[in-house]
């Protein structure tokens, strides 16, 4: 069964606290931020996709990841744009655009207009909000529909 065939229902807070580690819960449910350069995926160079740590919804591809120098995983575009919701964020005396997952409503990070061309966007995402599915495990994990992205011509 592929991921897209599953119907996600967000668990209650107590269940999420059991499923997620402390940092994942703080980031995804409390809009926290993990430390730069001390997180799971900022320097990950393996082929695969990144999914929401709560729901498993596909969010980003390693093919769209780039080194922004910030210490967090950065992507120039989402894998599935409808799975990424942008909201205005006025916290910390700044005006930013927060990025959340569509189905789980997980806080992922922020998007900025200083990314690479052509789109010029930088999705700066917390590793704690993500789960990485290596290319070799995508079929078994239910994400086989994305394997075509990694086929070499």
Protein backbone atom coordinates (compact mmCIF):
# COMPACT_ATOMS: atom_id res chain seq x y z
CA UNK A 1 0.00 0.00 0.00
CA UNK A 2 1.35 3.42 -0.92
CA UNK A 3 1.39 6.40 1.39
CA UNK A 4 -1.18 8.25 -0.70
CA UNK A 5 -3.74 5.48 -0.05
CA UNK A 6 -3.61 5.92 3.72
CA UNK A 7 -6.00 8.18 5.61
CA UNK A 8 -4.15 10.13 8.31
CA UNK A 9 -5.87 11.10 11.55
CA UNK A 10 -3.74 13.19 13.87
CA UNK A 11 -3.29 11.50 17.26
CA UNK A 12 -4.05 13.31 20.51
CA UNK A 13 -1.29 15.09 22.42
CA UNK A 14 -0.62 12.21 24.85
CA UNK A 15 -0.18 9.74 22.00
CA UNK A 16 2.14 12.15 20.19
CA UNK A 17 4.25 12.55 23.34
CA UNK A 18 4.71 8.77 23.37
CA UNK A 19 5.49 8.50 19.65
CA UNK A 20 7.85 11.46 19.31
CA UNK A 21 11.00 12.20 21.22
CA UNK A 22 11.11 15.38 23.30
CA UNK A 23 12.74 17.51 20.61
CA UNK A 24 10.38 16.27 17.87
CA UNK A 25 7.38 17.10 20.04
CA UNK A 26 8.73 20.55 20.94
CA UNK A 27 9.46 21.42 17.30
CA UNK A 28 6.36 19.98 15.61
CA UNK A 29 3.73 20.76 18.26
CA UNK A 30 5.15 23.80 20.09
CA UNK A 31 6.83 25.61 17.14
CA UNK A 32 10.28 25.02 18.59
CA UNK A 33 13.60 25.27 16.79
CA UNK A 34 16.45 22.80 17.07
CA UNK A 35 20.05 24.02 17.23
CA UNK A 36 21.83 24.63 13.92
CA UNK A 37 24.57 22.17 12.89
CA UNK A 38 23.48 19.80 15.71
CA UNK A 39 20.58 18.02 14.04
CA UNK A 40 20.07 14.86 12.03
CA UNK A 41 19.79 16.10 8.44
CA UNK A 42 21.61 19.41 7.97
CA UNK A 43 24.56 17.54 6.40
CA UNK A 44 22.71 14.53 4.95
CA UNK A 45 23.76 13.88 1.35
CA UNK A 46 21.97 10.57 0.75
CA UNK A 47 19.31 10.13 -1.95
CA UNK A 48 15.73 9.88 -0.72
CA UNK A 49 12.75 11.83 0.49
CA UNK A 50 11.88 13.67 3.68
CA UNK A 51 8.46 13.09 5.20
CA UNK A 52 6.58 14.63 8.12
CA UNK A 53 7.70 12.99 11.38
CA UNK A 54 4.09 12.94 12.61
CA UNK A 55 2.01 11.95 9.57
CA UNK A 56 4.50 10.58 7.08
CA UNK A 57 3.22 12.91 4.36
CA UNK A 58 5.90 13.48 1.68
CA UNK A 59 7.41 16.95 1.96
CA UNK A 60 10.85 17.32 0.33
CA UNK A 61 13.29 15.43 -1.88
CA UNK A 62 17.06 15.17 -1.51
CA UNK A 63 17.19 16.33 -5.14
CA UNK A 64 15.90 19.74 -4.00
CA UNK A 65 18.18 20.03 -0.95
CA UNK A 66 21.09 22.47 -0.93
CA UNK A 67 23.69 23.71 1.54
CA UNK A 68 22.48 27.10 2.71
CA UNK A 69 25.21 27.43 5.33
CA UNK A 70 22.59 27.87 8.07
CA UNK A 71 23.00 24.47 9.78
CA UNK A 72 19.46 23.30 9.00
CA UNK A 73 18.26 21.25 6.04
CA UNK A 74 17.33 23.65 3.25
CA UNK A 75 15.30 22.93 0.13
CA UNK A 76 14.49 25.13 -2.86
CA UNK A 77 11.02 23.61 -3.34
CA UNK A 78 8.64 21.06 -1.81
CA UNK A 79 8.21 17.58 -3.25
CA UNK A 80 4.42 17.89 -2.93
CA UNK A 81 3.48 21.59 -2.75
CA UNK A 82 -0.02 20.81 -1.47
CA UNK A 83 1.52 19.12 1.60
CA UNK A 84 3.32 22.32 2.66
CA UNK A 85 1.28 25.20 4.07
CA UNK A 86 2.72 28.70 4.44
CA UNK A 87 1.48 31.03 7.19
CA UNK A 88 2.55 34.50 8.29
CA UNK A 89 4.55 34.42 11.53
CA UNK A 90 4.95 37.56 13.65
CA UNK A 91 6.77 35.95 16.61
CA UNK A 92 10.18 37.04 17.95
CA UNK A 93 9.68 40.62 16.69
CA UNK A 94 10.02 39.50 13.05
CA UNK A 95 7.78 39.03 10.06
CA UNK A 96 8.42 35.59 8.57
CA UNK A 97 6.58 32.86 6.73
CA UNK A 98 6.13 29.71 8.75
CA UNK A 99 5.97 26.34 7.01
CA UNK A 100 3.60 23.64 8.33
CA UNK A 101 2.56 20.24 7.04
CA UNK A 102 -0.94 20.03 5.57
CA UNK A 103 -2.31 16.90 7.24
CA UNK A 104 -0.54 16.83 10.61
CA UNK A 105 -0.27 20.62 10.97
CA UNK A 106 3.30 20.09 12.17
CA UNK A 107 5.56 23.11 12.48
CA UNK A 108 8.39 22.43 10.02
CA UNK A 109 10.35 25.69 9.90
CA UNK A 110 10.25 28.81 7.74
CA UNK A 111 10.59 29.79 4.09
CA UNK A 112 12.71 32.75 2.99
CA UNK A 113 13.18 34.58 -0.31
CA UNK A 114 16.96 34.15 -0.39
CA UNK A 115 17.23 30.73 -2.02
CA UNK A 116 18.83 29.66 -5.29
CA UNK A 117 17.46 30.49 -8.71
CA UNK A 118 15.13 29.94 -10.45
CA UNK A 119 12.57 30.02 -7.61
CA UNK A 120 14.61 31.98 -5.11
CA UNK A 121 13.11 30.22 -2.10
CA UNK A 122 14.85 28.61 0.88
CA UNK A 123 12.72 26.25 2.92
CA UNK A 124 14.69 26.14 6.17
CA UNK A 125 13.37 23.05 7.94
CA UNK A 126 13.98 21.49 11.36
CA UNK A 127 15.36 17.94 11.13
CA UNK A 128 13.23 17.06 14.16
CA UNK A 129 10.09 17.65 12.06
CA UNK A 130 11.27 15.20 9.41
CA UNK A 131 11.90 11.52 8.85
CA UNK A 132 14.27 10.60 6.04
CA UNK A 133 13.37 7.68 3.78
CA UNK A 134 16.47 6.52 1.85
CA UNK A 135 15.93 5.74 -1.84
CA UNK A 136 16.63 2.06 -1.17
CA UNK A 137 13.80 1.85 1.38
CA UNK A 138 11.16 3.95 -0.37
CA UNK A 139 9.29 1.07 -2.03
CA UNK A 140 9.02 -0.97 1.17
CA UNK A 141 8.03 2.12 3.20
CA UNK A 142 5.13 2.90 0.82
CA UNK A 143 6.77 5.71 -1.16
CA UNK A 144 7.58 3.79 -4.35
CA UNK A 145 5.65 6.32 -6.43
CA UNK A 146 8.62 8.70 -5.96
CA UNK A 147 11.35 6.30 -7.10
CA UNK A 148 11.11 7.61 -10.67
CA UNK A 149 12.71 10.86 -9.46
CA UNK A 150 15.94 9.01 -8.73
CA UNK A 151 16.21 7.05 -11.99
CA UNK A 152 19.19 8.12 -14.05
CA UNK A 153 18.52 8.72 -17.74
